[in-house]
N, C-alpha and C. Protein backbone atom coordinates (compact mmCIF):
# COMPACT_ATOMS: atom_id res chain seq x y z
N MET A 1 -21.74 12.55 -21.58
CA MET A 1 -21.75 13.33 -22.77
C MET A 1 -21.62 12.42 -23.98
N SER A 2 -22.29 12.82 -24.99
CA SER A 2 -22.23 12.01 -26.21
C SER A 2 -20.97 12.34 -26.99
N LYS A 3 -20.68 11.45 -27.91
CA LYS A 3 -19.51 11.66 -28.74
C LYS A 3 -19.65 12.89 -29.60
N GLU A 4 -20.89 13.20 -29.98
CA GLU A 4 -21.10 14.37 -30.83
C GLU A 4 -20.78 15.67 -30.09
N GLY A 5 -20.93 15.68 -28.78
CA GLY A 5 -20.68 16.89 -27.99
C GLY A 5 -19.21 17.18 -27.77
N LEU A 6 -18.36 16.20 -27.95
CA LEU A 6 -16.92 16.42 -27.77
C LEU A 6 -16.29 16.92 -29.06
N ARG A 7 -15.54 17.94 -28.88
CA ARG A 7 -14.79 18.42 -30.04
C ARG A 7 -13.40 17.83 -30.00
N GLU A 8 -12.86 17.69 -31.14
CA GLU A 8 -11.51 17.16 -31.23
C GLU A 8 -10.53 18.27 -30.83
N LEU A 9 -9.57 17.94 -30.01
CA LEU A 9 -8.56 18.91 -29.59
C LEU A 9 -7.65 19.24 -30.77
N PRO A 10 -7.23 20.50 -30.84
CA PRO A 10 -6.34 20.85 -31.96
C PRO A 10 -4.99 20.17 -31.80
N LYS A 11 -4.38 19.88 -32.94
CA LYS A 11 -3.08 19.24 -32.92
C LYS A 11 -2.05 20.31 -32.53
N PRO A 12 -1.04 19.93 -31.77
CA PRO A 12 -0.03 20.92 -31.39
C PRO A 12 0.71 21.42 -32.64
N LEU A 13 1.02 22.70 -32.59
CA LEU A 13 1.75 23.30 -33.70
C LEU A 13 3.19 22.81 -33.69
N LYS A 14 3.78 22.77 -34.88
CA LYS A 14 5.17 22.39 -34.95
C LYS A 14 6.00 23.50 -34.33
N GLN A 15 6.96 23.12 -33.55
CA GLN A 15 7.82 24.11 -32.91
C GLN A 15 9.09 24.27 -33.72
N THR A 16 9.50 25.50 -33.84
CA THR A 16 10.80 25.75 -34.43
C THR A 16 11.73 26.16 -33.30
N MET A 17 12.88 25.60 -33.31
CA MET A 17 13.84 25.87 -32.24
C MET A 17 14.98 26.70 -32.81
N ARG A 18 15.50 27.51 -31.96
CA ARG A 18 16.63 28.35 -32.34
C ARG A 18 17.56 28.44 -31.14
N VAL A 19 18.82 28.22 -31.38
CA VAL A 19 19.81 28.31 -30.32
C VAL A 19 20.79 29.41 -30.71
N ASN A 20 20.78 30.46 -29.93
CA ASN A 20 21.60 31.62 -30.25
C ASN A 20 23.01 31.48 -29.70
N ILE A 21 23.96 32.03 -30.45
CA ILE A 21 25.34 32.14 -30.00
C ILE A 21 25.55 33.61 -29.68
N PRO A 22 26.00 33.92 -28.48
CA PRO A 22 26.15 35.32 -28.08
C PRO A 22 27.13 36.06 -28.99
N THR A 23 26.84 37.33 -29.25
CA THR A 23 27.75 38.17 -30.02
C THR A 23 28.65 38.98 -29.09
N ASN A 24 28.23 39.14 -27.84
CA ASN A 24 29.01 39.85 -26.84
C ASN A 24 30.20 38.98 -26.46
N ALA A 25 31.41 39.55 -26.47
CA ALA A 25 32.63 38.79 -26.20
C ALA A 25 32.59 38.11 -24.83
N ASN A 26 32.17 38.84 -23.81
CA ASN A 26 32.15 38.27 -22.46
C ASN A 26 31.19 37.09 -22.37
N ASP A 27 30.00 37.23 -22.96
CA ASP A 27 29.02 36.14 -22.94
C ASP A 27 29.51 34.93 -23.75
N LEU A 28 30.18 35.19 -24.87
CA LEU A 28 30.70 34.10 -25.71
C LEU A 28 31.81 33.35 -24.97
N ILE A 29 32.65 34.05 -24.27
CA ILE A 29 33.71 33.40 -23.49
C ILE A 29 33.10 32.55 -22.38
N THR A 30 32.09 33.08 -21.69
CA THR A 30 31.41 32.33 -20.63
C THR A 30 30.78 31.06 -21.18
N LEU A 31 30.10 31.16 -22.34
CA LEU A 31 29.49 29.99 -22.97
C LEU A 31 30.56 28.97 -23.36
N SER A 32 31.65 29.44 -23.95
CA SER A 32 32.72 28.51 -24.38
C SER A 32 33.35 27.81 -23.18
N GLN A 33 33.47 28.51 -22.06
CA GLN A 33 34.00 27.88 -20.85
C GLN A 33 33.06 26.79 -20.34
N ALA A 34 31.75 27.04 -20.43
CA ALA A 34 30.77 26.03 -20.01
C ALA A 34 30.83 24.81 -20.94
N ILE A 35 30.96 25.05 -22.24
CA ILE A 35 31.06 23.95 -23.20
C ILE A 35 32.32 23.14 -22.92
N GLN A 36 33.45 23.82 -22.70
CA GLN A 36 34.72 23.15 -22.43
C GLN A 36 34.64 22.33 -21.14
N ALA A 37 34.00 22.88 -20.11
CA ALA A 37 33.87 22.15 -18.85
C ALA A 37 33.05 20.87 -19.04
N ARG A 38 31.96 20.96 -19.79
CA ARG A 38 31.11 19.77 -20.03
C ARG A 38 31.87 18.75 -20.88
N HIS A 39 32.59 19.24 -21.89
CA HIS A 39 33.37 18.35 -22.76
C HIS A 39 34.43 17.61 -21.96
N THR A 40 35.11 18.32 -21.07
CA THR A 40 36.15 17.72 -20.24
C THR A 40 35.55 16.70 -19.27
N ALA A 41 34.37 17.03 -18.72
CA ALA A 41 33.72 16.13 -17.77
C ALA A 41 33.31 14.81 -18.44
N LEU A 42 32.88 14.86 -19.69
CA LEU A 42 32.46 13.65 -20.40
C LEU A 42 33.66 12.84 -20.92
N GLY A 43 34.78 13.49 -21.05
CA GLY A 43 36.00 12.79 -21.50
C GLY A 43 35.85 12.22 -22.89
N ALA A 44 36.22 10.95 -23.05
CA ALA A 44 36.20 10.29 -24.36
C ALA A 44 34.77 10.11 -24.87
N ALA A 45 33.79 10.11 -23.98
CA ALA A 45 32.39 9.92 -24.37
C ALA A 45 31.76 11.20 -24.91
N SER A 46 32.49 12.30 -24.91
CA SER A 46 31.94 13.58 -25.38
C SER A 46 31.69 13.54 -26.88
N PRO A 47 30.50 13.98 -27.30
CA PRO A 47 30.21 14.00 -28.73
C PRO A 47 31.04 15.07 -29.47
N LEU A 48 31.64 15.99 -28.72
CA LEU A 48 32.42 17.06 -29.35
C LEU A 48 33.83 16.62 -29.71
N ALA A 49 34.23 15.40 -29.31
CA ALA A 49 35.59 14.93 -29.56
C ALA A 49 35.89 14.85 -31.05
N SER A 50 34.88 14.68 -31.87
CA SER A 50 35.09 14.54 -33.31
C SER A 50 35.26 15.88 -34.04
N ILE A 51 35.07 17.00 -33.34
CA ILE A 51 35.23 18.32 -33.97
C ILE A 51 36.72 18.59 -34.14
N PRO A 52 37.13 18.94 -35.38
CA PRO A 52 38.55 19.24 -35.58
C PRO A 52 38.96 20.46 -34.75
N GLY A 53 40.10 20.39 -34.11
CA GLY A 53 40.60 21.50 -33.31
C GLY A 53 40.06 21.53 -31.90
N MET A 54 39.26 20.56 -31.50
CA MET A 54 38.68 20.56 -30.16
C MET A 54 39.76 20.39 -29.09
N ALA A 55 40.86 19.74 -29.46
CA ALA A 55 41.94 19.54 -28.49
C ALA A 55 42.55 20.88 -28.07
N GLY A 56 42.59 21.85 -28.98
CA GLY A 56 43.14 23.17 -28.67
C GLY A 56 42.11 24.18 -28.24
N PHE A 57 40.86 23.75 -28.04
CA PHE A 57 39.76 24.66 -27.69
C PHE A 57 40.01 25.35 -26.35
N GLY A 58 40.52 24.61 -25.38
CA GLY A 58 40.78 25.18 -24.05
C GLY A 58 41.81 26.29 -24.11
N ALA A 59 42.86 26.09 -24.93
CA ALA A 59 43.90 27.12 -25.07
C ALA A 59 43.33 28.37 -25.75
N LEU A 60 42.45 28.18 -26.72
CA LEU A 60 41.81 29.32 -27.38
C LEU A 60 40.96 30.13 -26.41
N ILE A 61 40.22 29.41 -25.55
CA ILE A 61 39.38 30.07 -24.56
C ILE A 61 40.24 30.87 -23.58
N THR A 62 41.34 30.26 -23.13
CA THR A 62 42.24 30.94 -22.19
C THR A 62 42.82 32.20 -22.83
N SER A 63 43.23 32.10 -24.08
CA SER A 63 43.78 33.26 -24.79
C SER A 63 42.72 34.35 -24.94
N ALA A 64 41.51 33.95 -25.35
CA ALA A 64 40.43 34.93 -25.53
C ALA A 64 40.09 35.61 -24.21
N SER A 65 40.02 34.84 -23.13
CA SER A 65 39.67 35.39 -21.83
C SER A 65 40.75 36.35 -21.32
N THR A 66 42.01 35.96 -21.47
CA THR A 66 43.12 36.81 -21.02
C THR A 66 43.15 38.12 -21.81
N ASN A 67 43.02 38.01 -23.12
CA ASN A 67 43.04 39.22 -23.95
C ASN A 67 41.81 40.10 -23.71
N HIS A 68 40.68 39.48 -23.40
CA HIS A 68 39.47 40.25 -23.09
C HIS A 68 39.67 41.05 -21.80
N GLN A 69 40.23 40.41 -20.79
CA GLN A 69 40.48 41.11 -19.52
C GLN A 69 41.50 42.23 -19.71
N GLN A 70 42.52 41.97 -20.52
CA GLN A 70 43.52 43.00 -20.81
C GLN A 70 42.87 44.17 -21.56
N GLY A 71 41.97 43.86 -22.49
CA GLY A 71 41.25 44.90 -23.23
C GLY A 71 40.41 45.77 -22.32
N ILE A 72 39.74 45.15 -21.35
CA ILE A 72 38.94 45.90 -20.38
C ILE A 72 39.83 46.83 -19.57
N THR A 73 40.97 46.31 -19.11
CA THR A 73 41.90 47.13 -18.32
C THR A 73 42.43 48.29 -19.14
N LEU A 74 42.82 48.03 -20.39
CA LEU A 74 43.35 49.09 -21.24
C LEU A 74 42.28 50.11 -21.60
N ALA A 75 41.03 49.66 -21.76
CA ALA A 75 39.94 50.60 -22.05
C ALA A 75 39.72 51.53 -20.87
N GLU A 76 39.81 50.99 -19.66
CA GLU A 76 39.68 51.83 -18.46
C GLU A 76 40.83 52.83 -18.38
N GLN A 77 42.05 52.36 -18.71
CA GLN A 77 43.20 53.26 -18.71
C GLN A 77 43.06 54.33 -19.79
N ALA A 78 42.52 53.94 -20.96
CA ALA A 78 42.31 54.91 -22.04
C ALA A 78 41.29 55.95 -21.63
N GLN A 79 40.24 55.52 -20.95
CA GLN A 79 39.22 56.46 -20.50
C GLN A 79 39.81 57.44 -19.48
N THR A 80 40.61 56.93 -18.58
CA THR A 80 41.26 57.79 -17.59
C THR A 80 42.21 58.78 -18.27
N ALA A 81 42.97 58.29 -19.25
CA ALA A 81 43.89 59.16 -19.99
C ALA A 81 43.13 60.22 -20.78
N ASN A 82 42.02 59.83 -21.40
CA ASN A 82 41.22 60.80 -22.17
C ASN A 82 40.61 61.86 -21.26
N GLN A 83 40.19 61.48 -20.06
CA GLN A 83 39.66 62.45 -19.11
C GLN A 83 40.75 63.43 -18.67
N ALA A 84 41.96 62.91 -18.42
CA ALA A 84 43.07 63.78 -18.04
C ALA A 84 43.42 64.73 -19.18
N ARG A 85 43.40 64.21 -20.41
CA ARG A 85 43.66 65.05 -21.58
C ARG A 85 42.62 66.16 -21.69
N ASP A 86 41.34 65.79 -21.57
CA ASP A 86 40.26 66.79 -21.68
C ASP A 86 40.36 67.84 -20.59
N ASN A 87 40.76 67.44 -19.38
CA ASN A 87 40.93 68.41 -18.29
C ASN A 87 42.07 69.37 -18.61
N ALA A 88 43.16 68.86 -19.19
CA ALA A 88 44.28 69.73 -19.55
C ALA A 88 43.91 70.67 -20.68
N LEU A 89 43.13 70.17 -21.67
CA LEU A 89 42.71 71.02 -22.78
C LEU A 89 41.72 72.09 -22.32
N GLY A 90 40.83 71.74 -21.41
CA GLY A 90 39.83 72.68 -20.90
C GLY A 90 38.54 72.61 -21.68
N GLN A 91 37.46 73.00 -21.01
CA GLN A 91 36.14 72.96 -21.63
C GLN A 91 35.98 74.06 -22.68
N ASP A 92 36.43 75.25 -22.35
CA ASP A 92 36.32 76.38 -23.26
C ASP A 92 37.50 77.32 -23.04
N MET A 93 37.49 78.44 -23.74
CA MET A 93 38.63 79.36 -23.69
C MET A 93 38.62 80.28 -22.47
N THR A 94 37.64 80.11 -21.59
CA THR A 94 37.55 80.98 -20.42
C THR A 94 38.06 80.33 -19.14
N THR A 95 38.43 79.05 -19.20
CA THR A 95 38.92 78.35 -18.02
C THR A 95 40.43 78.55 -17.91
N PRO A 96 40.89 79.27 -16.87
CA PRO A 96 42.33 79.53 -16.73
C PRO A 96 43.12 78.24 -16.53
N ASN A 97 44.42 78.32 -16.83
CA ASN A 97 45.35 77.21 -16.67
C ASN A 97 44.97 75.99 -17.51
N THR A 98 44.44 76.22 -18.72
CA THR A 98 44.16 75.13 -19.65
C THR A 98 44.80 75.48 -20.99
N VAL A 99 44.93 74.48 -21.83
CA VAL A 99 45.53 74.69 -23.15
C VAL A 99 44.70 75.67 -23.97
N ARG A 100 43.38 75.49 -23.99
CA ARG A 100 42.52 76.38 -24.80
C ARG A 100 42.65 77.83 -24.34
N PHE A 101 42.67 78.05 -23.04
CA PHE A 101 42.78 79.41 -22.51
C PHE A 101 44.11 80.04 -22.94
N THR A 102 45.20 79.29 -22.79
CA THR A 102 46.51 79.81 -23.12
C THR A 102 46.66 80.06 -24.61
N VAL A 103 46.14 79.16 -25.45
CA VAL A 103 46.20 79.35 -26.90
C VAL A 103 45.38 80.58 -27.30
N ALA A 104 44.21 80.75 -26.71
CA ALA A 104 43.37 81.91 -27.02
C ALA A 104 44.07 83.20 -26.58
N ALA A 105 44.71 83.18 -25.41
CA ALA A 105 45.42 84.36 -24.92
C ALA A 105 46.60 84.68 -25.84
N ALA A 106 47.31 83.65 -26.30
CA ALA A 106 48.43 83.86 -27.22
C ALA A 106 47.93 84.45 -28.54
N ARG A 107 46.83 83.90 -29.05
CA ARG A 107 46.25 84.44 -30.29
C ARG A 107 45.87 85.90 -30.13
N ASP A 108 45.18 86.21 -29.04
CA ASP A 108 44.73 87.59 -28.82
C ASP A 108 45.91 88.56 -28.69
N LEU A 109 46.95 88.15 -27.97
CA LEU A 109 48.12 89.00 -27.81
C LEU A 109 48.84 89.20 -29.15
N LEU A 110 49.02 88.10 -29.89
CA LEU A 110 49.69 88.21 -31.19
C LEU A 110 48.86 89.02 -32.19
N MET A 111 47.54 88.91 -32.10
CA MET A 111 46.67 89.72 -32.97
C MET A 111 46.85 91.19 -32.67
N SER A 112 46.98 91.54 -31.39
CA SER A 112 47.14 92.95 -31.05
C SER A 112 48.53 93.45 -31.44
N ILE A 113 49.56 92.62 -31.32
CA ILE A 113 50.91 93.02 -31.70
C ILE A 113 51.03 93.16 -33.21
N ASN A 114 50.37 92.27 -33.95
CA ASN A 114 50.48 92.24 -35.41
C ASN A 114 49.25 92.83 -36.09
N LYS A 115 48.65 93.86 -35.51
CA LYS A 115 47.46 94.47 -36.08
C LYS A 115 47.79 94.99 -37.48
N GLY A 116 47.01 94.59 -38.45
CA GLY A 116 47.25 94.98 -39.84
C GLY A 116 48.05 93.96 -40.61
N SER A 117 48.76 93.10 -39.95
CA SER A 117 49.52 92.03 -40.62
C SER A 117 49.27 90.72 -39.88
N GLU A 118 48.00 90.39 -39.74
CA GLU A 118 47.59 89.20 -38.98
C GLU A 118 48.10 87.91 -39.60
N ASN A 119 48.48 87.94 -40.90
CA ASN A 119 48.97 86.72 -41.53
C ASN A 119 50.25 86.22 -40.88
N LYS A 120 50.94 87.07 -40.11
CA LYS A 120 52.15 86.66 -39.40
C LYS A 120 51.85 85.62 -38.31
N LEU A 121 50.59 85.51 -37.92
CA LEU A 121 50.23 84.49 -36.92
C LEU A 121 50.43 83.09 -37.48
N GLY A 122 50.46 82.97 -38.81
CA GLY A 122 50.75 81.68 -39.44
C GLY A 122 52.13 81.17 -39.07
N ASP A 123 53.07 82.08 -38.80
CA ASP A 123 54.42 81.68 -38.37
C ASP A 123 54.38 80.98 -37.01
N TRP A 124 53.35 81.27 -36.24
CA TRP A 124 53.20 80.66 -34.91
C TRP A 124 52.41 79.36 -34.97
N GLY A 125 51.95 78.97 -36.16
CA GLY A 125 51.20 77.73 -36.32
C GLY A 125 49.70 77.91 -36.42
N PHE A 126 49.22 79.15 -36.32
CA PHE A 126 47.79 79.40 -36.44
C PHE A 126 47.37 79.27 -37.90
N ASP A 127 46.13 78.84 -38.10
CA ASP A 127 45.54 78.77 -39.43
C ASP A 127 44.88 80.11 -39.70
N VAL A 128 45.52 80.94 -40.53
CA VAL A 128 45.01 82.28 -40.81
C VAL A 128 44.24 82.23 -42.11
N ILE A 129 42.99 82.66 -42.06
CA ILE A 129 42.13 82.66 -43.23
C ILE A 129 41.80 84.11 -43.56
N ALA A 130 42.22 84.54 -44.73
CA ALA A 130 41.93 85.91 -45.17
C ALA A 130 40.77 85.86 -46.15
N SER A 131 39.80 86.73 -45.96
CA SER A 131 38.67 86.80 -46.88
C SER A 131 38.29 88.27 -47.04
N ALA A 132 37.68 88.56 -48.18
CA ALA A 132 37.26 89.94 -48.45
C ALA A 132 36.07 90.28 -47.55
N ALA A 133 36.05 91.52 -47.08
CA ALA A 133 34.94 91.98 -46.25
C ALA A 133 33.69 92.12 -47.11
N LYS A 134 32.54 91.81 -46.54
CA LYS A 134 31.28 91.95 -47.27
C LYS A 134 30.89 93.42 -47.33
N GLN A 135 30.44 93.81 -48.49
CA GLN A 135 29.98 95.18 -48.69
C GLN A 135 28.48 95.24 -48.44
N ILE A 136 28.04 96.30 -47.78
CA ILE A 136 26.61 96.48 -47.56
C ILE A 136 25.98 96.91 -48.87
N ASN A 137 24.91 96.21 -49.24
CA ASN A 137 24.21 96.50 -50.48
C ASN A 137 23.61 97.91 -50.40
N PRO A 138 23.99 98.82 -51.30
CA PRO A 138 23.46 100.19 -51.24
C PRO A 138 21.95 100.24 -51.37
N ALA A 139 21.35 99.30 -52.08
CA ALA A 139 19.89 99.28 -52.24
C ALA A 139 19.22 99.07 -50.88
N LEU A 140 19.83 98.26 -50.04
CA LEU A 140 19.26 98.03 -48.71
C LEU A 140 19.41 99.28 -47.85
N ARG A 141 20.54 99.97 -47.98
CA ARG A 141 20.76 101.16 -47.19
C ARG A 141 19.74 102.25 -47.55
N LYS A 142 19.33 102.32 -48.81
CA LYS A 142 18.36 103.33 -49.23
C LYS A 142 16.98 103.05 -48.62
N LYS A 143 16.65 101.77 -48.46
CA LYS A 143 15.33 101.43 -47.94
C LYS A 143 15.24 101.67 -46.44
N CYS A 144 16.37 101.71 -45.77
CA CYS A 144 16.36 101.91 -44.33
C CYS A 144 17.42 102.93 -44.00
N GLY A 145 17.02 104.05 -43.49
CA GLY A 145 17.96 105.13 -43.21
C GLY A 145 18.91 104.81 -42.08
N SER A 146 18.51 104.01 -41.12
CA SER A 146 19.37 103.69 -39.98
C SER A 146 19.65 102.20 -40.00
N PHE A 147 20.56 101.81 -40.85
CA PHE A 147 20.86 100.40 -41.04
C PHE A 147 22.21 100.10 -40.43
N CYS A 148 22.25 99.30 -39.40
CA CYS A 148 23.51 99.02 -38.73
C CYS A 148 24.14 97.73 -39.27
N PHE A 149 25.44 97.61 -39.13
CA PHE A 149 26.16 96.44 -39.62
C PHE A 149 25.68 95.17 -38.91
N ASN A 150 25.40 95.27 -37.62
CA ASN A 150 24.93 94.12 -36.85
C ASN A 150 23.66 93.55 -37.47
N CYS A 151 22.72 94.42 -37.83
CA CYS A 151 21.47 93.95 -38.43
C CYS A 151 21.75 93.34 -39.79
N TYR A 152 22.61 93.99 -40.57
CA TYR A 152 22.91 93.50 -41.90
C TYR A 152 23.52 92.11 -41.82
N TRP A 153 24.45 91.88 -40.88
CA TRP A 153 25.06 90.57 -40.73
C TRP A 153 24.02 89.52 -40.37
N ARG A 154 23.13 89.87 -39.48
CA ARG A 154 22.09 88.92 -39.08
C ARG A 154 21.13 88.62 -40.22
N ILE A 155 20.89 89.60 -41.08
CA ILE A 155 20.03 89.35 -42.24
C ILE A 155 20.74 88.39 -43.18
N LEU A 156 22.04 88.62 -43.44
CA LEU A 156 22.79 87.75 -44.33
C LEU A 156 22.86 86.33 -43.80
N SER A 157 23.02 86.16 -42.52
CA SER A 157 23.13 84.82 -41.95
C SER A 157 21.76 84.22 -41.65
N ARG A 158 20.71 84.95 -41.94
CA ARG A 158 19.32 84.49 -41.75
C ARG A 158 19.01 84.15 -40.30
N THR A 159 19.62 84.88 -39.39
CA THR A 159 19.32 84.67 -37.97
C THR A 159 18.89 86.00 -37.37
N TRP A 160 17.85 86.56 -37.89
CA TRP A 160 17.36 87.87 -37.47
C TRP A 160 16.87 87.82 -36.04
N ARG A 161 17.41 88.71 -35.21
CA ARG A 161 16.94 88.84 -33.84
C ARG A 161 17.01 90.32 -33.48
N LEU A 162 15.93 90.85 -33.00
CA LEU A 162 15.91 92.26 -32.65
C LEU A 162 16.71 92.55 -31.38
N SER A 163 16.89 91.54 -30.54
CA SER A 163 17.53 91.79 -29.26
C SER A 163 18.97 92.28 -29.41
N GLY A 164 19.66 91.89 -30.49
CA GLY A 164 21.04 92.30 -30.64
C GLY A 164 21.21 93.56 -31.46
N CYS A 165 20.14 94.09 -32.00
CA CYS A 165 20.23 95.24 -32.90
C CYS A 165 20.33 96.54 -32.08
N ILE A 166 21.19 97.46 -32.56
CA ILE A 166 21.29 98.73 -31.85
C ILE A 166 20.22 99.71 -32.31
N PHE A 167 19.48 99.34 -33.38
CA PHE A 167 18.37 100.16 -33.86
C PHE A 167 17.10 99.32 -33.95
N PRO A 168 16.65 98.72 -32.87
CA PRO A 168 15.51 97.80 -32.97
C PRO A 168 14.21 98.51 -33.35
N ILE A 169 14.12 99.79 -33.12
CA ILE A 169 12.87 100.47 -33.41
C ILE A 169 12.60 100.56 -34.91
N PHE A 170 13.64 100.50 -35.73
CA PHE A 170 13.48 100.65 -37.18
C PHE A 170 13.17 99.35 -37.89
N PHE A 171 13.41 98.20 -37.23
CA PHE A 171 13.25 96.92 -37.90
C PHE A 171 12.23 96.05 -37.16
N THR A 172 11.25 95.58 -37.86
CA THR A 172 10.31 94.65 -37.25
C THR A 172 10.39 93.29 -37.91
N ASN A 173 10.77 93.22 -39.16
CA ASN A 173 10.98 91.95 -39.84
C ASN A 173 11.77 92.19 -41.13
N TYR A 174 12.00 91.15 -41.87
CA TYR A 174 12.79 91.27 -43.08
C TYR A 174 12.15 92.20 -44.12
N VAL A 175 10.84 92.21 -44.16
CA VAL A 175 10.14 93.01 -45.15
C VAL A 175 10.44 94.49 -44.98
N ASP A 176 10.68 94.94 -43.74
CA ASP A 176 10.97 96.35 -43.50
C ASP A 176 12.20 96.82 -44.25
N VAL A 177 13.17 95.92 -44.47
CA VAL A 177 14.37 96.33 -45.18
C VAL A 177 14.38 95.78 -46.59
N GLY A 178 13.27 95.25 -47.06
CA GLY A 178 13.12 94.79 -48.43
C GLY A 178 13.80 93.47 -48.73
N ILE A 179 13.87 92.58 -47.74
CA ILE A 179 14.53 91.30 -47.96
C ILE A 179 13.50 90.19 -47.85
N THR A 180 13.49 89.32 -48.81
CA THR A 180 12.61 88.14 -48.74
C THR A 180 13.47 86.90 -48.63
N ILE A 181 13.13 86.09 -47.66
CA ILE A 181 13.92 84.87 -47.45
C ILE A 181 13.00 83.68 -47.57
């Protein structure tokens, strides 16, 4: 082949190097242990001997590793304790022998005993919120002769569903009762 037929090979691109330091505690401890082992193996010939504080590096690694293992153990204990707490509290108010069930039963019983003076439940630690009852707009009642409270509440909360209405035959959408949303 002639010289003209040969193409010149491209020059290699400059490489950029990057050496990452782990952010994960376990990986960082493992890396530091490897560095310490290599430093100790090289002894006085180690290039790391000139770093200030390198003499105490092994003690720092030991402290970090011990505290990391203790943290893992305590996290497992915390998870176990949180699961036991959640089991005692209960998933909802219908699971017997749970805190939620018993609190709901106490509320219901006290509500029935104190009917008309529900604010007395505050003495038991309950957060009692008193608010004025909503009045049904008379204009809406005129537009629909059979207007139930259930439908009116659902219209106000903008969650209209015919399945819960006791008069579904009279309502097909908001327009039937003169409401635009």
